[in-house]
Amino acid sequence: MASTRILGIDPGTIRCGWAVIERSGNQLVHAASGVITPQQKAPMSERLLEIHAGISEVVRLWAPNETSIEMVYHGLNAQTAIKLGQARGAALIAIAAYGLPVHEYEASVVKQRTTGLGNASKEQVRSMVALMFRLPDDMILDRSDALAIAVCHARQHPLLKVSR
């Protein structure tokens, strides 16, 4: 059966979570996941370069067919929103360099598609993806959020068909 490889990204300048899952029929399988952690004392330009390089490496190694990323939450203060937007930009440019389609989701949609609750806590999301993929329930929240974003995309577009 054909499978689709989906990359989920939870952008951030302190930690940028990423996850790759495979969808084959109704089955979702964890392929890989992790967190890119830029040097915190480095200038923002260097941190963004680390995010770009990290996402580029993930795409090169795991060859996803689809990508999904969380949108900027509007309730953030302006400074935080700008930093988050910069991290998203670095990730989006890395994805665009490989010509991959990008799908963007609001946090409430990710939570709804993952847990059934649009207002679920980050810990509830982590517990759900840990259970779903048989992963440790104490993983870094940025990693579990990236998994949830990939799951959201797989569930949002259940007819994705890509042959490998």
N, C-alpha and C. Protein backbone atom coordinates (compact mmCIF):
# COMPACT_ATOMS: atom_id res chain seq x y z
N MET A 1 0.84 -1.18 0.00
CA MET A 1 0.00 0.00 0.00
C MET A 1 0.89 1.25 0.00
N ALA A 2 0.46 2.26 -0.70
CA ALA A 2 1.20 3.52 -0.77
C ALA A 2 1.21 4.20 0.60
N SER A 3 2.29 4.90 0.88
CA SER A 3 2.36 5.64 2.14
C SER A 3 2.73 7.09 1.87
N THR A 4 2.41 7.92 2.82
CA THR A 4 2.75 9.34 2.77
C THR A 4 3.59 9.67 3.99
N ARG A 5 4.67 10.36 3.79
CA ARG A 5 5.52 10.79 4.90
C ARG A 5 5.24 12.25 5.16
N ILE A 6 4.88 12.57 6.40
CA ILE A 6 4.48 13.92 6.79
C ILE A 6 5.46 14.48 7.83
N LEU A 7 5.95 15.68 7.57
CA LEU A 7 6.80 16.40 8.51
C LEU A 7 5.94 17.43 9.23
N GLY A 8 5.96 17.38 10.56
CA GLY A 8 5.29 18.38 11.38
C GLY A 8 6.34 19.25 12.06
N ILE A 9 6.08 20.56 12.10
CA ILE A 9 7.04 21.50 12.70
C ILE A 9 6.34 22.39 13.71
N ASP A 10 6.91 22.45 14.91
CA ASP A 10 6.48 23.38 15.95
C ASP A 10 7.59 24.42 16.07
N PRO A 11 7.44 25.55 15.38
CA PRO A 11 8.54 26.52 15.32
C PRO A 11 8.78 27.26 16.63
N GLY A 12 10.03 27.63 16.84
CA GLY A 12 10.41 28.42 18.00
C GLY A 12 11.88 28.77 17.92
N THR A 13 12.27 29.89 18.49
CA THR A 13 13.67 30.29 18.44
C THR A 13 14.48 29.70 19.60
N ILE A 14 13.81 29.21 20.62
CA ILE A 14 14.50 28.55 21.73
C ILE A 14 14.58 27.06 21.44
N ARG A 15 13.46 26.47 21.05
CA ARG A 15 13.38 25.08 20.64
C ARG A 15 12.43 24.98 19.46
N CYS A 16 12.83 24.29 18.43
CA CYS A 16 12.00 24.06 17.25
C CYS A 16 11.77 22.56 17.14
N GLY A 17 10.54 22.14 17.44
CA GLY A 17 10.22 20.73 17.38
C GLY A 17 9.94 20.27 15.96
N TRP A 18 10.31 19.04 15.66
CA TRP A 18 10.02 18.46 14.35
C TRP A 18 9.67 16.98 14.54
N ALA A 19 8.84 16.49 13.64
CA ALA A 19 8.43 15.09 13.70
C ALA A 19 8.08 14.60 12.31
N VAL A 20 8.45 13.38 12.03
CA VAL A 20 8.10 12.74 10.76
C VAL A 20 7.27 11.50 11.09
N ILE A 21 6.08 11.44 10.49
CA ILE A 21 5.24 10.26 10.64
C ILE A 21 4.92 9.72 9.24
N GLU A 22 4.57 8.45 9.20
CA GLU A 22 4.16 7.84 7.94
C GLU A 22 2.70 7.44 8.07
N ARG A 23 1.97 7.74 7.01
CA ARG A 23 0.55 7.39 6.96
C ARG A 23 0.37 6.37 5.84
N SER A 24 -0.15 5.22 6.20
CA SER A 24 -0.45 4.17 5.23
C SER A 24 -1.86 3.70 5.55
N GLY A 25 -2.80 4.03 4.68
CA GLY A 25 -4.20 3.75 4.98
C GLY A 25 -4.59 4.56 6.20
N ASN A 26 -5.13 3.88 7.20
CA ASN A 26 -5.50 4.56 8.45
C ASN A 26 -4.42 4.47 9.51
N GLN A 27 -3.31 3.84 9.18
CA GLN A 27 -2.22 3.66 10.13
C GLN A 27 -1.29 4.87 10.14
N LEU A 28 -0.95 5.34 11.33
CA LEU A 28 0.07 6.38 11.51
C LEU A 28 1.22 5.77 12.28
N VAL A 29 2.43 5.94 11.75
CA VAL A 29 3.62 5.36 12.38
C VAL A 29 4.66 6.46 12.58
N HIS A 30 5.23 6.50 13.77
CA HIS A 30 6.30 7.44 14.09
C HIS A 30 7.57 7.00 13.37
N ALA A 31 8.15 7.89 12.58
CA ALA A 31 9.42 7.58 11.90
C ALA A 31 10.58 8.19 12.67
N ALA A 32 10.46 9.47 13.02
CA ALA A 32 11.53 10.17 13.74
C ALA A 32 10.97 11.47 14.30
N SER A 33 11.60 11.97 15.32
CA SER A 33 11.21 13.27 15.88
C SER A 33 12.33 13.79 16.76
N GLY A 34 12.31 15.09 16.98
CA GLY A 34 13.33 15.69 17.80
C GLY A 34 13.13 17.18 17.97
N VAL A 35 14.14 17.82 18.48
CA VAL A 35 14.09 19.25 18.75
C VAL A 35 15.40 19.88 18.29
N ILE A 36 15.28 20.95 17.56
CA ILE A 36 16.44 21.76 17.17
C ILE A 36 16.58 22.83 18.25
N THR A 37 17.75 22.90 18.88
CA THR A 37 17.96 23.85 19.98
C THR A 37 19.11 24.78 19.62
N PRO A 38 18.78 25.94 19.03
CA PRO A 38 19.84 26.89 18.67
C PRO A 38 20.57 27.42 19.91
N GLN A 39 21.80 27.86 19.71
CA GLN A 39 22.59 28.46 20.79
C GLN A 39 21.88 29.73 21.28
N GLN A 40 21.49 29.76 22.54
CA GLN A 40 20.68 30.86 23.06
C GLN A 40 21.43 32.19 23.17
N LYS A 41 22.73 32.14 23.29
CA LYS A 41 23.50 33.39 23.40
C LYS A 41 23.92 33.92 22.04
N ALA A 42 23.63 33.15 20.99
CA ALA A 42 24.00 33.57 19.64
C ALA A 42 23.04 34.66 19.15
N PRO A 43 23.51 35.50 18.24
CA PRO A 43 22.60 36.50 17.65
C PRO A 43 21.43 35.80 16.95
N MET A 44 20.31 36.50 16.85
CA MET A 44 19.11 35.92 16.26
C MET A 44 19.38 35.38 14.86
N SER A 45 20.17 36.08 14.07
CA SER A 45 20.44 35.62 12.70
C SER A 45 21.09 34.23 12.70
N GLU A 46 21.99 33.98 13.65
CA GLU A 46 22.64 32.68 13.73
C GLU A 46 21.68 31.61 14.23
N ARG A 47 20.80 31.97 15.15
CA ARG A 47 19.80 31.02 15.64
C ARG A 47 18.85 30.61 14.52
N LEU A 48 18.45 31.58 13.71
CA LEU A 48 17.57 31.29 12.58
C LEU A 48 18.27 30.41 11.56
N LEU A 49 19.56 30.65 11.36
CA LEU A 49 20.34 29.82 10.45
C LEU A 49 20.40 28.37 10.95
N GLU A 50 20.54 28.19 12.27
CA GLU A 50 20.54 26.85 12.85
C GLU A 50 19.21 26.14 12.62
N ILE A 51 18.11 26.88 12.76
CA ILE A 51 16.78 26.31 12.52
C ILE A 51 16.66 25.90 11.06
N HIS A 52 17.05 26.80 10.17
CA HIS A 52 17.01 26.51 8.74
C HIS A 52 17.83 25.26 8.41
N ALA A 53 19.07 25.21 8.92
CA ALA A 53 19.95 24.07 8.65
C ALA A 53 19.37 22.78 9.23
N GLY A 54 18.80 22.87 10.43
CA GLY A 54 18.22 21.68 11.06
C GLY A 54 17.04 21.13 10.30
N ILE A 55 16.12 22.00 9.90
CA ILE A 55 14.95 21.56 9.13
C ILE A 55 15.41 21.03 7.77
N SER A 56 16.37 21.70 7.14
CA SER A 56 16.90 21.22 5.86
C SER A 56 17.44 19.80 5.99
N GLU A 57 18.17 19.55 7.06
CA GLU A 57 18.74 18.22 7.29
C GLU A 57 17.64 17.18 7.51
N VAL A 58 16.61 17.54 8.26
CA VAL A 58 15.49 16.61 8.48
C VAL A 58 14.83 16.27 7.14
N VAL A 59 14.58 17.28 6.32
CA VAL A 59 13.95 17.06 5.01
C VAL A 59 14.86 16.18 4.14
N ARG A 60 16.14 16.46 4.15
CA ARG A 60 17.09 15.68 3.34
C ARG A 60 17.11 14.22 3.79
N LEU A 61 17.15 14.00 5.10
CA LEU A 61 17.25 12.63 5.63
C LEU A 61 15.96 11.83 5.51
N TRP A 62 14.81 12.49 5.75
CA TRP A 62 13.54 11.77 5.87
C TRP A 62 12.64 11.90 4.65
N ALA A 63 12.97 12.78 3.71
CA ALA A 63 12.23 12.94 2.45
C ALA A 63 10.72 12.92 2.61
N PRO A 64 10.16 13.88 3.37
CA PRO A 64 8.70 13.91 3.50
C PRO A 64 8.03 14.30 2.18
N ASN A 65 6.78 13.87 2.04
CA ASN A 65 5.98 14.25 0.88
C ASN A 65 5.15 15.50 1.18
N GLU A 66 4.82 15.68 2.45
CA GLU A 66 3.96 16.77 2.89
C GLU A 66 4.58 17.40 4.13
N THR A 67 4.30 18.67 4.34
CA THR A 67 4.76 19.33 5.57
C THR A 67 3.61 20.10 6.20
N SER A 68 3.67 20.20 7.50
CA SER A 68 2.65 20.96 8.24
C SER A 68 3.37 21.74 9.34
N ILE A 69 2.85 22.93 9.60
CA ILE A 69 3.49 23.82 10.58
C ILE A 69 2.41 24.58 11.33
N GLU A 70 2.70 24.89 12.57
CA GLU A 70 1.73 25.63 13.37
C GLU A 70 1.76 27.11 13.02
N MET A 71 0.59 27.72 12.99
CA MET A 71 0.47 29.15 12.73
C MET A 71 0.85 29.94 13.99
N VAL A 72 1.12 31.22 13.81
CA VAL A 72 1.41 32.10 14.94
C VAL A 72 0.11 32.35 15.69
N TYR A 73 0.15 32.17 17.00
CA TYR A 73 -1.00 32.41 17.86
C TYR A 73 -1.16 33.92 18.05
N HIS A 74 -2.35 34.43 17.77
CA HIS A 74 -2.59 35.87 17.79
C HIS A 74 -2.56 36.50 19.18
N GLY A 75 -2.69 35.70 20.22
CA GLY A 75 -2.72 36.24 21.57
C GLY A 75 -1.35 36.54 22.15
N LEU A 76 -0.30 36.29 21.40
CA LEU A 76 1.05 36.53 21.89
C LEU A 76 1.36 38.02 21.92
N ASN A 77 2.29 38.42 22.79
CA ASN A 77 2.72 39.81 22.74
C ASN A 77 3.52 40.02 21.46
N ALA A 78 3.65 41.24 21.03
CA ALA A 78 4.25 41.56 19.73
C ALA A 78 5.67 41.01 19.60
N GLN A 79 6.48 41.16 20.62
CA GLN A 79 7.87 40.71 20.56
C GLN A 79 7.95 39.19 20.38
N THR A 80 7.13 38.46 21.12
CA THR A 80 7.10 37.01 21.01
C THR A 80 6.59 36.58 19.64
N ALA A 81 5.56 37.25 19.14
CA ALA A 81 5.01 36.93 17.82
C ALA A 81 6.04 37.15 16.72
N ILE A 82 6.83 38.22 16.85
CA ILE A 82 7.87 38.50 15.85
C ILE A 82 8.91 37.39 15.85
N LYS A 83 9.37 36.98 17.04
CA LYS A 83 10.38 35.92 17.14
C LYS A 83 9.83 34.60 16.59
N LEU A 84 8.59 34.29 16.92
CA LEU A 84 7.98 33.07 16.41
C LEU A 84 7.84 33.13 14.89
N GLY A 85 7.46 34.29 14.38
CA GLY A 85 7.36 34.48 12.93
C GLY A 85 8.70 34.30 12.24
N GLN A 86 9.77 34.75 12.88
CA GLN A 86 11.10 34.57 12.30
C GLN A 86 11.48 33.09 12.26
N ALA A 87 11.17 32.36 13.32
CA ALA A 87 11.47 30.92 13.35
C ALA A 87 10.66 30.19 12.28
N ARG A 88 9.39 30.56 12.15
CA ARG A 88 8.55 29.96 11.09
C ARG A 88 9.15 30.25 9.72
N GLY A 89 9.60 31.49 9.52
CA GLY A 89 10.19 31.87 8.24
C GLY A 89 11.41 31.03 7.90
N ALA A 90 12.28 30.81 8.89
CA ALA A 90 13.47 30.00 8.66
C ALA A 90 13.08 28.57 8.26
N ALA A 91 12.09 28.01 8.94
CA ALA A 91 11.63 26.66 8.62
C ALA A 91 10.95 26.62 7.26
N LEU A 92 10.13 27.61 6.96
CA LEU A 92 9.41 27.64 5.68
C LEU A 92 10.36 27.76 4.49
N ILE A 93 11.41 28.55 4.65
CA ILE A 93 12.39 28.68 3.57
C ILE A 93 13.10 27.34 3.34
N ALA A 94 13.43 26.64 4.42
CA ALA A 94 14.06 25.32 4.28
C ALA A 94 13.15 24.37 3.52
N ILE A 95 11.86 24.38 3.84
CA ILE A 95 10.89 23.51 3.17
C ILE A 95 10.72 23.92 1.71
N ALA A 96 10.63 25.21 1.47
CA ALA A 96 10.44 25.71 0.10
C ALA A 96 11.61 25.34 -0.80
N ALA A 97 12.81 25.28 -0.25
CA ALA A 97 13.99 24.94 -1.04
C ALA A 97 13.87 23.52 -1.62
N TYR A 98 13.07 22.67 -0.99
CA TYR A 98 12.86 21.31 -1.48
C TYR A 98 11.56 21.18 -2.28
N GLY A 99 10.85 22.29 -2.46
CA GLY A 99 9.64 22.28 -3.27
C GLY A 99 8.48 21.52 -2.66
N LEU A 100 8.45 21.43 -1.34
CA LEU A 100 7.40 20.67 -0.66
C LEU A 100 6.17 21.53 -0.37
N PRO A 101 4.99 20.93 -0.44
CA PRO A 101 3.79 21.68 -0.05
C PRO A 101 3.77 21.91 1.46
N VAL A 102 3.28 23.06 1.86
CA VAL A 102 3.20 23.41 3.29
C VAL A 102 1.74 23.64 3.66
N HIS A 103 1.32 23.04 4.77
CA HIS A 103 -0.03 23.22 5.28
C HIS A 103 0.09 23.81 6.68
N GLU A 104 -0.66 24.87 6.94
CA GLU A 104 -0.56 25.58 8.21
C GLU A 104 -1.83 25.38 9.03
N TYR A 105 -1.66 25.17 10.33
CA TYR A 105 -2.79 24.89 11.22
C TYR A 105 -2.72 25.74 12.48
N GLU A 106 -3.88 26.20 12.91
CA GLU A 106 -3.98 26.90 14.19
C GLU A 106 -3.84 25.89 15.32
N ALA A 107 -3.34 26.35 16.45
CA ALA A 107 -3.11 25.47 17.60
C ALA A 107 -4.39 24.75 18.02
N SER A 108 -5.52 25.45 18.01
CA SER A 108 -6.78 24.82 18.44
C SER A 108 -7.19 23.69 17.50
N VAL A 109 -6.90 23.82 16.21
CA VAL A 109 -7.21 22.76 15.24
C VAL A 109 -6.31 21.56 15.49
N VAL A 110 -5.03 21.81 15.75
CA VAL A 110 -4.08 20.73 16.05
C VAL A 110 -4.57 19.96 17.28
N LYS A 111 -4.94 20.69 18.32
CA LYS A 111 -5.41 20.05 19.56
C LYS A 111 -6.68 19.24 19.31
N GLN A 112 -7.61 19.80 18.55
CA GLN A 112 -8.87 19.12 18.24
C GLN A 112 -8.62 17.82 17.48
N ARG A 113 -7.77 17.87 16.46
CA ARG A 113 -7.51 16.69 15.62
C ARG A 113 -6.70 15.63 16.36
N THR A 114 -5.97 16.05 17.39
CA THR A 114 -5.12 15.11 18.12
C THR A 114 -5.82 14.53 19.35
N THR A 115 -6.48 15.38 20.11
CA THR A 115 -7.08 14.92 21.38
C THR A 115 -8.60 14.91 21.37
N GLY A 116 -9.20 15.59 20.41
CA GLY A 116 -10.66 15.72 20.41
C GLY A 116 -11.12 16.96 21.14
N LEU A 117 -10.18 17.69 21.75
CA LEU A 117 -10.49 18.92 22.49
C LEU A 117 -9.69 20.08 21.93
N GLY A 118 -10.36 21.11 21.45
CA GLY A 118 -9.67 22.27 20.89
C GLY A 118 -8.95 23.10 21.92
N ASN A 119 -9.28 22.89 23.20
CA ASN A 119 -8.62 23.66 24.26
C ASN A 119 -7.77 22.75 25.16
N ALA A 120 -7.32 21.62 24.63
CA ALA A 120 -6.49 20.70 25.41
C ALA A 120 -5.18 21.39 25.81
N SER A 121 -4.64 20.98 26.93
CA SER A 121 -3.35 21.52 27.37
C SER A 121 -2.23 20.86 26.58
N LYS A 122 -1.05 21.47 26.62
CA LYS A 122 0.12 20.89 25.95
C LYS A 122 0.43 19.51 26.55
N GLU A 123 0.20 19.36 27.84
CA GLU A 123 0.46 18.08 28.50
C GLU A 123 -0.53 17.01 28.02
N GLN A 124 -1.78 17.39 27.79
CA GLN A 124 -2.76 16.44 27.26
C GLN A 124 -2.38 16.01 25.84
N VAL A 125 -1.91 16.96 25.04
CA VAL A 125 -1.47 16.65 23.68
C VAL A 125 -0.29 15.69 23.76
N ARG A 126 0.66 15.98 24.62
CA ARG A 126 1.84 15.11 24.79
C ARG A 126 1.42 13.70 25.18
N SER A 127 0.52 13.58 26.13
CA SER A 127 0.06 12.26 26.57
C SER A 127 -0.59 11.50 25.42
N MET A 128 -1.39 12.19 24.62
CA MET A 128 -2.08 11.53 23.51
C MET A 128 -1.10 11.03 22.45
N VAL A 129 -0.14 11.88 22.04
CA VAL A 129 0.79 11.42 21.01
C VAL A 129 1.75 10.36 21.57
N ALA A 130 2.08 10.45 22.85
CA ALA A 130 2.92 9.42 23.47
C ALA A 130 2.20 8.07 23.44
N LEU A 131 0.93 8.08 23.77
CA LEU A 131 0.12 6.86 23.74
C LEU A 131 -0.03 6.35 22.30
N MET A 132 -0.31 7.25 21.39
CA MET A 132 -0.53 6.91 19.99
C MET A 132 0.69 6.24 19.36
N PHE A 133 1.88 6.76 19.67
CA PHE A 133 3.10 6.26 19.04
C PHE A 133 3.98 5.43 19.98
N ARG A 134 3.48 5.16 21.19
CA ARG A 134 4.23 4.39 22.20
C ARG A 134 5.58 5.03 22.48
N LEU A 135 5.53 6.32 22.80
CA LEU A 135 6.73 7.09 23.12
C LEU A 135 6.68 7.50 24.59
N PRO A 136 7.82 7.93 25.15
CA PRO A 136 7.83 8.37 26.55
C PRO A 136 6.88 9.55 26.79
N ASP A 137 6.16 9.49 27.90
CA ASP A 137 5.19 10.54 28.23
C ASP A 137 5.87 11.78 28.80
N ASP A 138 7.19 11.77 28.90
CA ASP A 138 7.91 12.92 29.44
C ASP A 138 8.76 13.61 28.37
N MET A 139 8.43 13.37 27.08
CA MET A 139 9.21 14.01 26.02
C MET A 139 9.03 15.52 26.07
N ILE A 140 9.97 16.23 25.50
CA ILE A 140 9.92 17.69 25.44
C ILE A 140 8.65 18.11 24.70
N LEU A 141 7.95 19.10 25.23
CA LEU A 141 6.68 19.53 24.66
C LEU A 141 6.80 19.97 23.20
N ASP A 142 7.91 20.54 22.81
CA ASP A 142 8.08 20.98 21.42
C ASP A 142 8.08 19.78 20.47
N ARG A 143 8.65 18.68 20.92
CA ARG A 143 8.65 17.44 20.13
C ARG A 143 7.24 16.88 20.01
N SER A 144 6.51 16.82 21.14
CA SER A 144 5.15 16.29 21.09
C SER A 144 4.22 17.21 20.29
N ASP A 145 4.44 18.51 20.37
CA ASP A 145 3.64 19.44 19.57
C ASP A 145 3.88 19.21 18.07
N ALA A 146 5.13 18.96 17.68
CA ALA A 146 5.44 18.69 16.28
C ALA A 146 4.75 17.39 15.82
N LEU A 147 4.75 16.38 16.67
CA LEU A 147 4.04 15.14 16.35
C LEU A 147 2.55 15.42 16.16
N ALA A 148 1.99 16.23 17.05
CA ALA A 148 0.56 16.56 16.96
C ALA A 148 0.24 17.31 15.67
N ILE A 149 1.13 18.17 15.24
CA ILE A 149 0.93 18.93 14.00
C ILE A 149 0.93 17.97 12.80
N ALA A 150 1.83 17.00 12.81
CA ALA A 150 1.85 16.00 11.73
C ALA A 150 0.58 15.14 11.76
N VAL A 151 0.15 14.74 12.95
CA VAL A 151 -1.08 13.96 13.09
C VAL A 151 -2.27 14.77 12.60
N CYS A 152 -2.31 16.02 12.96
CA CYS A 152 -3.39 16.90 12.51
C CYS A 152 -3.48 16.90 10.99
N HIS A 153 -2.36 17.03 10.34
CA HIS A 153 -2.37 17.05 8.87
C HIS A 153 -2.85 15.71 8.31
N ALA A 154 -2.38 14.63 8.88
CA ALA A 154 -2.81 13.31 8.41
C ALA A 154 -4.31 13.12 8.57
N ARG A 155 -4.86 13.65 9.67
CA ARG A 155 -6.30 13.51 9.91
C ARG A 155 -7.12 14.55 9.16
N GLN A 156 -6.54 15.67 8.88
CA GLN A 156 -7.22 16.73 8.13
C GLN A 156 -7.39 16.32 6.66
N HIS A 157 -6.40 15.61 6.16
CA HIS A 157 -6.38 15.20 4.75
C HIS A 157 -6.29 13.67 4.67
N PRO A 158 -7.36 12.96 5.01
CA PRO A 158 -7.29 11.50 5.08
C PRO A 158 -7.12 10.82 3.73
N LEU A 159 -7.30 11.53 2.63
CA LEU A 159 -7.18 10.91 1.33
C LEU A 159 -5.82 11.11 0.68
N LEU A 160 -4.84 11.58 1.44
CA LEU A 160 -3.50 11.75 0.89
C LEU A 160 -3.01 10.42 0.33
N LYS A 161 -2.61 10.42 -0.90
CA LYS A 161 -2.09 9.20 -1.53
C LYS A 161 -0.82 9.54 -2.27
N VAL A 162 0.27 8.99 -1.83
CA VAL A 162 1.54 9.21 -2.49
C VAL A 162 2.24 7.87 -2.54
N SER A 163 2.72 7.49 -3.68
CA SER A 163 3.46 6.22 -3.77
C SER A 163 4.93 6.50 -3.50
N ARG A 164 5.59 5.59 -2.86
CA ARG A 164 7.00 5.72 -2.51
C ARG A 164 7.79 4.70 -3.28
